[in-house]
């Protein structure tokens, strides 16, 4: 099975978050749906890996420099 690209993952994550927010506003989602949508969103959300020592921004897995894990890609280049 192939993995999602970053663009596909972010698109899907944004789409699911919007669906969850809309369903919660309209109170049209049952408990099973709430639980499962929240679980899927949590699994798709990139994990934060702390703050960059250069700009102090929160880094996600795909933003960490391979040269030095304490800095984001923007600060190390």
C-alpha atoms as a PDB file:
ATOM      1  CA  UNK A   1       0.000   0.000   0.000  1.00  0.00           C
ATOM      2  CA  UNK A   2       1.353   3.425  -0.958  1.00  0.00           C
ATOM      3  CA  UNK A   3       1.646   6.278   1.545  1.00  0.00           C
ATOM      4  CA  UNK A   4      -0.067   9.619   1.035  1.00  0.00           C
ATOM      5  CA  UNK A   5       2.027  12.488  -0.257  1.00  0.00           C
ATOM      6  CA  UNK A   6       2.338  15.502   2.061  1.00  0.00           C
ATOM      7  CA  UNK A   7      -0.033  17.476  -0.174  1.00  0.00           C
ATOM      8  CA  UNK A   8      -2.594  14.655  -0.106  1.00  0.00           C
ATOM      9  CA  UNK A   9      -2.272  14.304   3.664  1.00  0.00           C
ATOM     10  CA  UNK A  10      -2.793  18.042   4.282  1.00  0.00           C
ATOM     11  CA  UNK A  11      -5.733  18.161   1.847  1.00  0.00           C
ATOM     12  CA  UNK A  12      -7.412  15.202   3.526  1.00  0.00           C
ATOM     13  CA  UNK A  13      -6.722  16.569   6.997  1.00  0.00           C
ATOM     14  CA  UNK A  14      -8.187  19.977   6.110  1.00  0.00           C
ATOM     15  CA  UNK A  15     -11.239  18.360   4.502  1.00  0.00           C
ATOM     16  CA  UNK A  16     -11.924  16.122   7.501  1.00  0.00           C
ATOM     17  CA  UNK A  17     -11.493  18.974   9.984  1.00  0.00           C
ATOM     18  CA  UNK A  18     -14.002  21.083   8.052  1.00  0.00           C
ATOM     19  CA  UNK A  19     -16.466  18.177   7.936  1.00  0.00           C
ATOM     20  CA  UNK A  20     -16.129  17.597  11.671  1.00  0.00           C
ATOM     21  CA  UNK A  21     -16.626  21.288  12.502  1.00  0.00           C
ATOM     22  CA  UNK A  22     -19.692  21.538  10.251  1.00  0.00           C
ATOM     23  CA  UNK A  23     -21.233  18.350  11.642  1.00  0.00           C
ATOM     24  CA  UNK A  24     -20.662  19.512  15.221  1.00  0.00           C
ATOM     25  CA  UNK A  25     -22.310  22.885  14.492  1.00  0.00           C
ATOM     26  CA  UNK A  26     -25.316  21.180  12.926  1.00  0.00           C
ATOM     27  CA  UNK A  27     -25.361  18.478  15.599  1.00  0.00           C
ATOM     28  CA  UNK A  28     -25.718  15.923  12.812  1.00  0.00           C
ATOM     29  CA  UNK A  29     -22.933  13.555  13.840  1.00  0.00           C
ATOM     30  CA  UNK A  30     -23.475  10.607  16.153  1.00  0.00           C
ATOM     31  CA  UNK A  31     -20.986   9.579  18.866  1.00  0.00           C
ATOM     32  CA  UNK A  32     -19.431   6.877  16.664  1.00  0.00           C
ATOM     33  CA  UNK A  33     -18.774   9.440  13.923  1.00  0.00           C
ATOM     34  CA  UNK A  34     -17.313  11.996  16.354  1.00  0.00           C
ATOM     35  CA  UNK A  35     -14.995   9.424  17.878  1.00  0.00           C
ATOM     36  CA  UNK A  36     -13.771   8.071  14.554  1.00  0.00           C
ATOM     37  CA  UNK A  37     -13.358  11.417  12.782  1.00  0.00           C
ATOM     38  CA  UNK A  38     -11.383  12.784  15.736  1.00  0.00           C
ATOM     39  CA  UNK A  39      -9.220   9.647  15.755  1.00  0.00           C
ATOM     40  CA  UNK A  40      -8.492   9.871  12.026  1.00  0.00           C
ATOM     41  CA  UNK A  41      -7.672  13.590  12.271  1.00  0.00           C
ATOM     42  CA  UNK A  42      -5.321  12.925  15.175  1.00  0.00           C
ATOM     43  CA  UNK A  43      -3.515  10.178  13.236  1.00  0.00           C
ATOM     44  CA  UNK A  44      -3.127  12.375  10.138  1.00  0.00           C
ATOM     45  CA  UNK A  45      -1.875  15.433  12.050  1.00  0.00           C
ATOM     46  CA  UNK A  46       1.919  15.731  11.859  1.00  0.00           C
ATOM     47  CA  UNK A  47       3.611  15.426  15.238  1.00  0.00           C
ATOM     48  CA  UNK A  48       5.308  18.521  16.598  1.00  0.00           C
ATOM     49  CA  UNK A  49       8.996  18.042  17.309  1.00  0.00           C
ATOM     50  CA  UNK A  50       9.656  21.065  19.509  1.00  0.00           C
ATOM     51  CA  UNK A  51      10.742  24.592  18.644  1.00  0.00           C
ATOM     52  CA  UNK A  52      13.470  25.664  16.264  1.00  0.00           C
ATOM     53  CA  UNK A  53      16.506  27.081  18.061  1.00  0.00           C
ATOM     54  CA  UNK A  54      16.813  29.749  15.353  1.00  0.00           C
ATOM     55  CA  UNK A  55      13.312  31.199  14.869  1.00  0.00           C
ATOM     56  CA  UNK A  56      11.545  29.550  17.845  1.00  0.00           C
ATOM     57  CA  UNK A  57       8.690  28.328  15.580  1.00  0.00           C
ATOM     58  CA  UNK A  58       7.106  24.949  16.305  1.00  0.00           C
ATOM     59  CA  UNK A  59       8.589  22.302  14.001  1.00  0.00           C
ATOM     60  CA  UNK A  60       6.780  19.345  12.497  1.00  0.00           C
ATOM     61  CA  UNK A  61       8.468  16.173  11.244  1.00  0.00           C
ATOM     62  CA  UNK A  62       8.776  17.446   7.662  1.00  0.00           C
ATOM     63  CA  UNK A  63      10.255  20.802   8.732  1.00  0.00           C
ATOM     64  CA  UNK A  64      13.266  19.520  10.673  1.00  0.00           C
ATOM     65  CA  UNK A  65      16.620  19.948   8.987  1.00  0.00           C
ATOM     66  CA  UNK A  66      18.507  16.744   8.276  1.00  0.00           C
ATOM     67  CA  UNK A  67      21.778  18.572   9.015  1.00  0.00           C
ATOM     68  CA  UNK A  68      20.781  19.602  12.557  1.00  0.00           C
ATOM     69  CA  UNK A  69      17.558  18.446  14.230  1.00  0.00           C
ATOM     70  CA  UNK A  70      17.446  21.531  16.496  1.00  0.00           C
ATOM     71  CA  UNK A  71      16.731  23.840  13.538  1.00  0.00           C
ATOM     72  CA  UNK A  72      13.983  24.023  10.926  1.00  0.00           C
ATOM     73  CA  UNK A  73      14.775  23.765   7.238  1.00  0.00           C
ATOM     74  CA  UNK A  74      14.373  27.552   6.759  1.00  0.00           C
ATOM     75  CA  UNK A  75      16.917  28.472   9.440  1.00  0.00           C
ATOM     76  CA  UNK A  76      19.596  25.944   8.522  1.00  0.00           C
ATOM     77  CA  UNK A  77      19.727  26.846   4.811  1.00  0.00           C
END
